[in-house]
C-alpha atoms as a PDB file:
ATOM      1  CA  SER A   1       7.220   1.687  18.318  1.00  0.00           C
ATOM      2  CA  SER A   2       9.773   1.291  15.523  1.00  0.00           C
ATOM      3  CA  ALA A   3       7.364   2.839  13.010  1.00  0.00           C
ATOM      4  CA  ALA A   4       6.857   5.913  15.193  1.00  0.00           C
ATOM      5  CA  SER A   5      10.614   6.193  15.694  1.00  0.00           C
ATOM      6  CA  ASP A   6      11.044   6.014  11.929  1.00  0.00           C
ATOM      7  CA  VAL A   7       8.628   8.928  11.452  1.00  0.00           C
ATOM      8  CA  TYR A   8      10.454  11.172  13.907  1.00  0.00           C
ATOM      9  CA  LYS A   9      13.910  10.315  12.551  1.00  0.00           C
ATOM     10  CA  ARG A  10      12.837  11.467   9.102  1.00  0.00           C
ATOM     11  CA  GLN A  11      11.437  14.713  10.435  1.00  0.00           C
ATOM     12  CA  VAL A  12      14.584  15.428  12.472  1.00  0.00           C
ATOM     13  CA  PHE A  13      16.691  14.725   9.374  1.00  0.00           C
ATOM     14  CA  PHE A  14      14.960  17.438   7.343  1.00  0.00           C
ATOM     15  CA  ARG A  15      15.032  19.965  10.167  1.00  0.00           C
ATOM     16  CA  MET A  16      18.728  19.371  10.892  1.00  0.00           C
ATOM     17  CA  ASN A  17      19.981  19.333   7.308  1.00  0.00           C
ATOM     18  CA  TYR A  18      17.837  21.958   5.572  1.00  0.00           C
ATOM     19  CA  ASP A  19      16.048  25.213   6.154  1.00  0.00           C
ATOM     20  CA  TYR A  20      12.703  23.817   7.250  1.00  0.00           C
ATOM     21  CA  GLU A  21      10.783  27.025   6.575  1.00  0.00           C
ATOM     22  CA  LYS A  22      11.943  27.015   2.948  1.00  0.00           C
ATOM     23  CA  LEU A  23      11.061  23.347   2.608  1.00  0.00           C
ATOM     24  CA  TYR A  24       7.624  23.958   4.081  1.00  0.00           C
ATOM     25  CA  ALA A  25       7.077  26.887   1.732  1.00  0.00           C
ATOM     26  CA  SER A  26       7.918  24.696  -1.272  1.00  0.00           C
ATOM     27  CA  PHE A  27       5.630  22.000   0.136  1.00  0.00           C
ATOM     28  CA  ARG A  28       2.718  24.444   0.323  1.00  0.00           C
ATOM     29  CA  GLU A  29       3.381  25.691  -3.194  1.00  0.00           C
ATOM     30  CA  ARG A  30       3.425  22.176  -4.628  1.00  0.00           C
ATOM     31  CA  LEU A  31       0.315  21.217  -2.678  1.00  0.00           C
ATOM     32  CA  ALA A  32      -1.529  24.208  -4.144  1.00  0.00           C
ATOM     33  CA  ASP A  33      -0.504  23.074  -7.627  1.00  0.00           C
ATOM     34  CA  LYS A  34      -1.801  19.563  -6.938  1.00  0.00           C
ATOM     35  CA  LEU A  35      -5.139  20.943  -5.787  1.00  0.00           C
ATOM     36  CA  GLN A  36      -5.494  23.112  -8.862  1.00  0.00           C
ATOM     37  CA  LYS A  37      -4.803  20.188 -11.188  1.00  0.00           C
ATOM     38  CA  LEU A  38      -7.484  18.120  -9.465  1.00  0.00           C
ATOM     39  CA  VAL A  39      -9.929  21.013  -9.737  1.00  0.00           C
ATOM     40  CA  ASP A  40      -9.292  21.717 -13.416  1.00  0.00           C
ATOM     41  CA  GLY A  41      -9.365  18.027 -14.344  1.00  0.00           C
ATOM     42  CA  THR A  42      -5.716  17.708 -15.365  1.00  0.00           C
ATOM     43  CA  TYR A  43      -5.685  14.641 -13.112  1.00  0.00           C
ATOM     44  CA  CYS A  44      -8.629  12.259 -12.711  1.00  0.00           C
ATOM     45  CA  LEU A  45      -7.948   9.786  -9.919  1.00  0.00           C
ATOM     46  CA  GLY A  46     -11.313   8.514  -8.745  1.00  0.00           C
ATOM     47  CA  ASN A  47     -11.006   7.679  -5.032  1.00  0.00           C
ATOM     48  CA  PHE A  48      -7.654   8.163  -3.341  1.00  0.00           C
ATOM     49  CA  SER A  49      -6.383   8.318   0.229  1.00  0.00           C
ATOM     50  CA  GLU A  50      -3.442  10.006   1.888  1.00  0.00           C
ATOM     51  CA  PHE A  51      -0.914   7.346   2.998  1.00  0.00           C
ATOM     52  CA  GLY A  52       2.036   9.567   3.900  1.00  0.00           C
ATOM     53  CA  LEU A  53       2.555   9.276   7.663  1.00  0.00           C
ATOM     54  CA  ARG A  54       5.876   7.440   7.686  1.00  0.00           C
ATOM     55  CA  ARG A  55       7.556   9.616   5.079  1.00  0.00           C
ATOM     56  CA  ARG A  56       5.989  12.974   5.871  1.00  0.00           C
ATOM     57  CA  LEU A  57       7.937  16.219   6.019  1.00  0.00           C
ATOM     58  CA  SER A  58       6.338  17.025   9.356  1.00  0.00           C
ATOM     59  CA  ALA A  59       3.113  16.613  11.302  1.00  0.00           C
ATOM     60  CA  GLU A  60       1.916  20.070  10.226  1.00  0.00           C
ATOM     61  CA  ALA A  61       2.671  19.312   6.570  1.00  0.00           C
ATOM     62  CA  GLN A  62       0.671  16.099   6.623  1.00  0.00           C
ATOM     63  CA  GLU A  63      -2.243  17.730   8.418  1.00  0.00           C
ATOM     64  CA  LEU A  64      -2.294  20.603   5.941  1.00  0.00           C
ATOM     65  CA  ALA A  65      -2.348  18.143   3.038  1.00  0.00           C
ATOM     66  CA  VAL A  66      -5.245  16.153   4.520  1.00  0.00           C
ATOM     67  CA  GLN A  67      -7.187  19.304   5.406  1.00  0.00           C
ATOM     68  CA  GLU A  68      -6.747  20.832   1.956  1.00  0.00           C
ATOM     69  CA  LEU A  69      -7.273  17.700  -0.128  1.00  0.00           C
ATOM     70  CA  VAL A  70     -10.417  16.655   1.727  1.00  0.00           C
ATOM     71  CA  GLY A  71     -11.724  20.188   2.047  1.00  0.00           C
ATOM     72  CA  HIS A  72     -11.764  20.739  -1.723  1.00  0.00           C
ATOM     73  CA  ASN A  73     -13.459  17.464  -2.679  1.00  0.00           C
ATOM     74  CA  LYS A  74     -16.534  19.283  -3.957  1.00  0.00           C
ATOM     75  CA  ASP A  75     -14.391  21.166  -6.472  1.00  0.00           C
ATOM     76  CA  TYR A  76     -12.661  18.185  -8.117  1.00  0.00           C
ATOM     77  CA  LYS A  77     -13.511  16.631 -11.460  1.00  0.00           C
ATOM     78  CA  ASP A  78     -13.651  12.820 -11.168  1.00  0.00           C
ATOM     79  CA  SER A  79     -11.473  12.691  -8.036  1.00  0.00           C
ATOM     80  CA  ALA A  80     -12.140  12.397  -4.315  1.00  0.00           C
ATOM     81  CA  CYS A  81      -9.797  12.267  -1.335  1.00  0.00           C
ATOM     82  CA  ILE A  82     -11.771   9.841   0.787  1.00  0.00           C
ATOM     83  CA  GLY A  83      -9.484   9.427   3.792  1.00  0.00           C
ATOM     84  CA  THR A  84      -6.080   9.094   5.411  1.00  0.00           C
ATOM     85  CA  SER A  85      -4.082   6.305   7.026  1.00  0.00           C
ATOM     86  CA  ASN A  86      -3.376   8.656   9.953  1.00  0.00           C
ATOM     87  CA  VAL A  87      -6.124   7.713  12.415  1.00  0.00           C
ATOM     88  CA  TYR A  88      -5.641  10.865  14.487  1.00  0.00           C
ATOM     89  CA  LEU A  89      -6.105  13.135  11.470  1.00  0.00           C
ATOM     90  CA  ALA A  90      -9.036  11.054  10.270  1.00  0.00           C
ATOM     91  CA  LYS A  91     -10.784  11.667  13.583  1.00  0.00           C
ATOM     92  CA  LYS A  92      -9.819  15.342  13.723  1.00  0.00           C
ATOM     93  CA  TRP A  93     -11.020  16.148  10.203  1.00  0.00           C
ATOM     94  CA  ASN A  94     -13.945  13.707  10.190  1.00  0.00           C
ATOM     95  CA  VAL A  95     -12.755  11.540   7.310  1.00  0.00           C
ATOM     96  CA  THR A  96     -12.400   7.797   6.936  1.00  0.00           C
ATOM     97  CA  PRO A  97      -9.291   6.101   8.368  1.00  0.00           C
ATOM     98  CA  VAL A  98      -8.079   3.997   5.449  1.00  0.00           C
ATOM     99  CA  GLY A  99      -5.599   1.133   5.517  1.00  0.00           C
ATOM    100  CA  THR A 100      -4.977  -2.476   4.594  1.00  0.00           C
ATOM    101  CA  MET A 101      -3.197  -5.426   6.131  1.00  0.00           C
ATOM    102  CA  ALA A 102       0.576  -4.957   6.280  1.00  0.00           C
ATOM    103  CA  HIS A 103       3.390  -7.139   4.962  1.00  0.00           C
ATOM    104  CA  GLU A 104       4.405  -7.738   8.588  1.00  0.00           C
ATOM    105  CA  TRP A 105       1.039  -9.374   9.284  1.00  0.00           C
ATOM    106  CA  ILE A 106       1.533 -11.938   6.530  1.00  0.00           C
ATOM    107  CA  MET A 107       5.208 -12.467   7.330  1.00  0.00           C
ATOM    108  CA  CYS A 108       4.666 -13.025  11.045  1.00  0.00           C
ATOM    109  CA  THR A 109       1.420 -15.000  10.828  1.00  0.00           C
ATOM    110  CA  GLY A 110       2.729 -17.249   8.070  1.00  0.00           C
ATOM    111  CA  GLN A 111       6.405 -17.580   8.942  1.00  0.00           C
ATOM    112  CA  GLY A 112       6.985 -16.954  12.649  1.00  0.00           C
ATOM    113  CA  ASN A 113       5.986 -20.494  13.589  1.00  0.00           C
ATOM    114  CA  HIS A 114       8.070 -23.676  13.260  1.00  0.00           C
ATOM    115  CA  LYS A 115       4.960 -25.628  12.236  1.00  0.00           C
ATOM    116  CA  HIS A 116       4.242 -23.470   9.182  1.00  0.00           C
ATOM    117  CA  ASN A 117       5.496 -24.029   5.671  1.00  0.00           C
ATOM    118  CA  PRO A 118       6.343 -20.394   4.747  1.00  0.00           C
ATOM    119  CA  ALA A 119       5.179 -20.866   1.159  1.00  0.00           C
ATOM    120  CA  TYR A 120       1.665 -20.918   2.619  1.00  0.00           C
ATOM    121  CA  SER A 121       2.121 -17.608   4.484  1.00  0.00           C
ATOM    122  CA  ASN A 122      -0.776 -16.004   2.656  1.00  0.00           C
ATOM    123  CA  TRP A 123      -3.180 -18.811   3.517  1.00  0.00           C
ATOM    124  CA  TYR A 124      -2.409 -18.580   7.245  1.00  0.00           C
ATOM    125  CA  ALA A 125      -2.778 -14.793   7.150  1.00  0.00           C
ATOM    126  CA  LEU A 126      -6.004 -14.785   5.119  1.00  0.00           C
ATOM    127  CA  ASP A 127      -7.527 -17.526   7.268  1.00  0.00           C
ATOM    128  CA  ALA A 128      -6.744 -15.688  10.520  1.00  0.00           C
ATOM    129  CA  TRP A 129      -8.024 -12.402   9.076  1.00  0.00           C
ATOM    130  CA  VAL A 130     -11.358 -13.893   8.011  1.00  0.00           C
ATOM    131  CA  ARG A 131     -11.817 -15.637  11.366  1.00  0.00           C
ATOM    132  CA  GLU A 132     -11.342 -12.254  13.062  1.00  0.00           C
ATOM    133  CA  TYR A 133     -13.341  -9.993  10.723  1.00  0.00           C
ATOM    134  CA  GLY A 134     -15.870 -12.310   9.103  1.00  0.00           C
ATOM    135  CA  ILE A 135     -17.218 -10.661   5.976  1.00  0.00           C
ATOM    136  CA  LEU A 136     -15.732  -7.226   6.807  1.00  0.00           C
ATOM    137  CA  ASN A 137     -12.399  -7.990   5.232  1.00  0.00           C
ATOM    138  CA  GLY A 138     -11.418  -4.994   3.142  1.00  0.00           C
ATOM    139  CA  ILE A 139      -8.327  -5.219   0.974  1.00  0.00           C
ATOM    140  CA  ALA A 140      -5.852  -8.103   0.764  1.00  0.00           C
ATOM    141  CA  LEU A 141      -2.142  -7.460   0.192  1.00  0.00           C
ATOM    142  CA  THR A 142      -0.704  -9.622  -2.571  1.00  0.00           C
ATOM    143  CA  ASP A 143       3.089  -9.327  -2.677  1.00  0.00           C
ATOM    144  CA  ALA A 144       4.536 -10.482   0.659  1.00  0.00           C
ATOM    145  CA  ILE A 145       5.904 -13.657  -0.979  1.00  0.00           C
ATOM    146  CA  THR A 146       5.101 -12.762  -4.616  1.00  0.00           C
ATOM    147  CA  THR A 147       1.692 -12.283  -6.178  1.00  0.00           C
ATOM    148  CA  ASP A 148       1.838 -15.570  -8.083  1.00  0.00           C
ATOM    149  CA  CYS A 149       2.163 -17.472  -4.818  1.00  0.00           C
ATOM    150  CA  PHE A 150      -0.585 -15.339  -3.265  1.00  0.00           C
ATOM    151  CA  LEU A 151      -2.983 -16.350  -6.032  1.00  0.00           C
ATOM    152  CA  LYS A 152      -2.528 -20.012  -5.103  1.00  0.00           C
ATOM    153  CA  ASP A 153      -4.392 -19.230  -1.883  1.00  0.00           C
ATOM    154  CA  PHE A 154      -6.650 -16.425  -3.081  1.00  0.00           C
ATOM    155  CA  GLN A 155      -9.265 -18.767  -4.457  1.00  0.00           C
ATOM    156  CA  LEU A 156     -13.056 -18.499  -4.562  1.00  0.00           C
ATOM    157  CA  THR A 157     -13.806 -18.134  -0.841  1.00  0.00           C
ATOM    158  CA  TYR A 158     -11.213 -15.468  -0.076  1.00  0.00           C
ATOM    159  CA  ALA A 159     -11.585 -13.730  -3.439  1.00  0.00           C
ATOM    160  CA  THR A 160     -15.302 -13.416  -2.700  1.00  0.00           C
ATOM    161  CA  LEU A 161     -14.956 -12.334   0.937  1.00  0.00           C
ATOM    162  CA  PHE A 162     -12.307  -9.664   0.407  1.00  0.00           C
ATOM    163  CA  GLY A 163     -13.401  -6.416  -1.221  1.00  0.00           C
ATOM    164  CA  GLY A 164     -10.273  -6.171  -3.310  1.00  0.00           C
ATOM    165  CA  VAL A 165      -6.508  -6.405  -3.488  1.00  0.00           C
ATOM    166  CA  ARG A 166      -3.576  -4.037  -3.030  1.00  0.00           C
ATOM    167  CA  HIS A 167      -0.611  -3.520  -5.345  1.00  0.00           C
ATOM    168  CA  ASP A 168       2.682  -2.543  -3.686  1.00  0.00           C
ATOM    169  CA  SER A 169       5.453  -3.759  -6.006  1.00  0.00           C
ATOM    170  CA  GLY A 170       6.151  -4.794  -9.578  1.00  0.00           C
ATOM    171  CA  ASP A 171       4.564  -3.475 -12.761  1.00  0.00           C
ATOM    172  CA  PRO A 172       1.097  -2.131 -11.788  1.00  0.00           C
ATOM    173  CA  TYR A 173      -0.424  -2.727 -15.225  1.00  0.00           C
ATOM    174  CA  GLU A 174       0.729  -6.357 -15.380  1.00  0.00           C
ATOM    175  CA  TRP A 175      -0.467  -6.854 -11.809  1.00  0.00           C
ATOM    176  CA  GLY A 176      -3.889  -5.308 -12.452  1.00  0.00           C
ATOM    177  CA  ASP A 177      -4.486  -7.314 -15.600  1.00  0.00           C
ATOM    178  CA  LYS A 178      -3.391 -10.465 -13.766  1.00  0.00           C
ATOM    179  CA  MET A 179      -5.815  -9.809 -10.902  1.00  0.00           C
ATOM    180  CA  ILE A 180      -8.719  -9.135 -13.262  1.00  0.00           C
ATOM    181  CA  LYS A 181      -7.964 -12.340 -15.154  1.00  0.00           C
ATOM    182  CA  HIS A 182      -7.813 -14.241 -11.863  1.00  0.00           C
ATOM    183  CA  TYR A 183     -11.194 -12.906 -10.737  1.00  0.00           C
ATOM    184  CA  GLU A 184     -12.693 -13.828 -14.095  1.00  0.00           C
ATOM    185  CA  SER A 185     -11.255 -17.356 -13.843  1.00  0.00           C
ATOM    186  CA  LEU A 186     -13.185 -17.751 -10.574  1.00  0.00           C
ATOM    187  CA  GLY A 187     -16.420 -16.458 -12.091  1.00  0.00           C
ATOM    188  CA  ILE A 188     -16.212 -13.191 -10.143  1.00  0.00           C
ATOM    189  CA  ASP A 189     -17.032  -9.910 -11.857  1.00  0.00           C
ATOM    190  CA  ALA A 190     -13.919  -7.775 -11.385  1.00  0.00           C
ATOM    191  CA  ALA A 191     -16.072  -4.663 -11.783  1.00  0.00           C
ATOM    192  CA  ASN A 192     -17.285  -5.323  -8.224  1.00  0.00           C
ATOM    193  CA  LYS A 193     -13.762  -5.588  -6.776  1.00  0.00           C
ATOM    194  CA  THR A 194     -11.250  -2.879  -5.883  1.00  0.00           C
ATOM    195  CA  LEU A 195      -7.732  -2.646  -7.241  1.00  0.00           C
ATOM    196  CA  LEU A 196      -5.873  -0.474  -4.737  1.00  0.00           C
ATOM    197  CA  PHE A 197      -2.541   0.868  -5.974  1.00  0.00           C
ATOM    198  CA  SER A 198      -0.015   2.145  -3.431  1.00  0.00           C
ATOM    199  CA  ASP A 199       3.490   1.780  -4.867  1.00  0.00           C
ATOM    200  CA  SER A 200       5.479   5.028  -5.265  1.00  0.00           C
ATOM    201  CA  LEU A 201       2.579   6.921  -6.771  1.00  0.00           C
ATOM    202  CA  ASP A 202       2.245  10.501  -7.858  1.00  0.00           C
ATOM    203  CA  PHE A 203      -0.860  12.030  -9.405  1.00  0.00           C
ATOM    204  CA  ASP A 204       0.397  11.546 -12.956  1.00  0.00           C
ATOM    205  CA  ARG A 205       0.963   7.787 -12.511  1.00  0.00           C
ATOM    206  CA  ALA A 206      -2.317   7.428 -10.643  1.00  0.00           C
ATOM    207  CA  ASP A 207      -4.178   9.291 -13.390  1.00  0.00           C
ATOM    208  CA  LYS A 208      -2.834   6.921 -16.061  1.00  0.00           C
ATOM    209  CA  LEU A 209      -3.709   3.848 -13.978  1.00  0.00           C
ATOM    210  CA  TYR A 210      -7.211   5.175 -13.327  1.00  0.00           C
ATOM    211  CA  ARG A 211      -7.889   5.756 -17.006  1.00  0.00           C
ATOM    212  CA  TYR A 212      -6.589   2.277 -17.899  1.00  0.00           C
ATOM    213  CA  PHE A 213      -8.469   0.262 -15.255  1.00  0.00           C
ATOM    214  CA  ASN A 214     -11.562   2.330 -14.484  1.00  0.00           C
ATOM    215  CA  ALA A 215     -13.795   0.502 -16.960  1.00  0.00           C
ATOM    216  CA  LYS A 216     -12.587  -2.910 -15.737  1.00  0.00           C
ATOM    217  CA  ALA A 217     -12.702  -2.697 -11.928  1.00  0.00           C
ATOM    218  CA  LYS A 218     -13.112  -0.304  -9.027  1.00  0.00           C
ATOM    219  CA  VAL A 219      -9.884   1.669  -8.755  1.00  0.00           C
ATOM    220  CA  ALA A 220      -8.440   3.336  -5.660  1.00  0.00           C
ATOM    221  CA  PHE A 221      -5.085   4.754  -4.623  1.00  0.00           C
ATOM    222  CA  GLY A 222      -3.043   5.117  -1.462  1.00  0.00           C
ATOM    223  CA  ILE A 223      -0.619   7.965  -2.130  1.00  0.00           C
ATOM    224  CA  GLY A 224       2.065   8.725   0.425  1.00  0.00           C
ATOM    225  CA  THR A 225       5.310  10.616  -0.074  1.00  0.00           C
ATOM    226  CA  TYR A 226       4.050  12.610  -3.043  1.00  0.00           C
ATOM    227  CA  ILE A 227       1.352  14.112  -0.824  1.00  0.00           C
ATOM    228  CA  SER A 228       3.083  14.411   2.551  1.00  0.00           C
ATOM    229  CA  ASN A 229       6.692  15.194   1.584  1.00  0.00           C
ATOM    230  CA  ASP A 230       6.866  16.782  -1.857  1.00  0.00           C
ATOM    231  CA  THR A 231       9.382  19.638  -1.615  1.00  0.00           C
ATOM    232  CA  ASP A 232      12.389  21.028  -3.441  1.00  0.00           C
ATOM    233  CA  VAL A 233      14.468  18.318  -1.713  1.00  0.00           C
ATOM    234  CA  PRO A 234      14.061  14.615  -2.608  1.00  0.00           C
ATOM    235  CA  ALA A 235      12.296  12.655   0.126  1.00  0.00           C
ATOM    236  CA  LEU A 236      14.076   9.837   1.935  1.00  0.00           C
ATOM    237  CA  ASN A 237      13.263   6.359   0.663  1.00  0.00           C
ATOM    238  CA  ILE A 238      13.597   4.198   3.752  1.00  0.00           C
ATOM    239  CA  VAL A 239      11.615   0.993   4.267  1.00  0.00           C
ATOM    240  CA  MET A 240      11.188  -0.834   7.559  1.00  0.00           C
ATOM    241  CA  LYS A 241      10.085  -4.459   7.744  1.00  0.00           C
ATOM    242  CA  THR A 242      10.087  -7.168  10.385  1.00  0.00           C
ATOM    243  CA  THR A 243      13.078  -9.514  10.137  1.00  0.00           C
ATOM    244  CA  LYS A 244      12.343 -11.820  13.113  1.00  0.00           C
ATOM    245  CA  CYS A 245       9.205 -13.075  14.841  1.00  0.00           C
ATOM    246  CA  ASN A 246       9.111 -15.422  17.837  1.00  0.00           C
ATOM    247  CA  GLY A 247      12.880 -15.710  17.505  1.00  0.00           C
ATOM    248  CA  MET A 248      12.586 -16.967  13.928  1.00  0.00           C
ATOM    249  CA  ASP A 249      13.712 -15.331  10.728  1.00  0.00           C
ATOM    250  CA  VAL A 250      10.951 -13.957   8.507  1.00  0.00           C
ATOM    251  CA  ALA A 251      11.279 -12.396   5.067  1.00  0.00           C
ATOM    252  CA  LYS A 252       9.456 -10.532   2.366  1.00  0.00           C
ATOM    253  CA  ILE A 253      10.054 -11.737  -1.199  1.00  0.00           C
ATOM    254  CA  SER A 254       8.519  -9.010  -3.289  1.00  0.00           C
ATOM    255  CA  ASP A 255       7.427  -8.815  -6.921  1.00  0.00           C
ATOM    256  CA  ASN A 256      10.181  -6.192  -7.096  1.00  0.00           C
ATOM    257  CA  PRO A 257      13.549  -7.762  -6.095  1.00  0.00           C
ATOM    258  CA  GLY A 258      14.745  -4.456  -4.666  1.00  0.00           C
ATOM    259  CA  LYS A 259      11.944  -4.425  -2.065  1.00  0.00           C
ATOM    260  CA  GLY A 260      12.749  -7.739  -0.393  1.00  0.00           C
ATOM    261  CA  MET A 261      14.017  -7.677   3.170  1.00  0.00           C
ATOM    262  CA  CYS A 262      15.681 -10.118   5.583  1.00  0.00           C
ATOM    263  CA  LYS A 263      18.912 -10.190   7.587  1.00  0.00           C
ATOM    264  CA  ASN A 264      19.562 -13.890   6.993  1.00  0.00           C
ATOM    265  CA  PRO A 265      20.321 -14.830   3.357  1.00  0.00           C
ATOM    266  CA  GLU A 266      20.086 -18.536   4.237  1.00  0.00           C
ATOM    267  CA  TYR A 267      16.487 -18.090   5.321  1.00  0.00           C
ATOM    268  CA  VAL A 268      15.660 -16.152   2.158  1.00  0.00           C
ATOM    269  CA  GLU A 269      17.116 -19.024   0.119  1.00  0.00           C
ATOM    270  CA  TYR A 270      15.044 -21.525   2.108  1.00  0.00           C
ATOM    271  CA  LEU A 271      11.861 -19.460   1.678  1.00  0.00           C
ATOM    272  CA  GLN A 272      12.494 -19.115  -2.043  1.00  0.00           C
ATOM    273  CA  ARG A 273      12.999 -22.888  -2.381  1.00  0.00           C
ATOM    274  CA  CYS A 274       9.694 -23.471  -0.558  1.00  0.00           C
ATOM    275  CA  ILE A 275       7.911 -21.074  -2.879  1.00  0.00           C
ATOM    276  CA  ASP A 276       9.538 -22.573  -5.978  1.00  0.00           C
ATOM    277  CA  TRP A 277       8.566 -26.098  -4.928  1.00  0.00           C
ATOM    278  CA  ARG A 278       4.980 -25.059  -4.373  1.00  0.00           C
ATOM    279  CA  MET A 279       4.749 -23.189  -7.662  1.00  0.00           C
ATOM    280  CA  ASN A 280       6.351 -26.039  -9.623  1.00  0.00           C
ATOM    281  CA  ASN A 281       4.183 -28.695  -8.020  1.00  0.00           C
ATOM    282  CA  ASP A 282       0.894 -26.800  -8.282  1.00  0.00           C
ATOM    283  CA  ARG A 283       0.100 -27.080  -4.581  1.00  0.00           C
END
């Protein structure tokens, strides 16, 4: 798959351009520092998961991180590594495989069909997800075509059925406050819902978010590169997204303009006009 190819290309890049043994040594040193700061309470994260497969330094680095972070759970103050998005490692180390729906799911379900108005991408995706999983819905992703447009469709039924929502772009504090306000507007106690943050996190940013939101909602984190590829060399920041489905253009229009993706600017303009019309006409 393209995602698997992406993983291996990154790993080959580091092995071909740097002394891997030195990188791995710096990785281990930084991982030990992370563990110590969770143990001594420097960082309080609540529940977090390792999300670093696609940007990992190597398979052995990611496995070491999962093994160490999960293995020291009993020693942490107000933190717990509850799982990993790597299903193989989750099985091997007997932890929970953790993940959410992907942007590609929303893009392809909502846009890769001539009959669909793409401004309703979230509705098509949420509807199909609920029909498949019933009440076992987990976490909904909000920013495939902007969070404001997502909230048009995330009304009482879906907001009740899904256990929470995931942040992946834009200001996390603005987003979290907006989601809590939205839940409250629907008569839902946000304290029973999860705000899952997963955008370019390190332990310091996660700690600050946890302290800000912990009294208002359940808080969780998916932390990737900072766990699986933190070395003396900056990690690669490469993002892969679907650009066509069923022969049709599809696009992500993120809360962060720099995270949008599509090969056809005309389609992006069309999608944006659809979203703008819907937002301006309260549909």
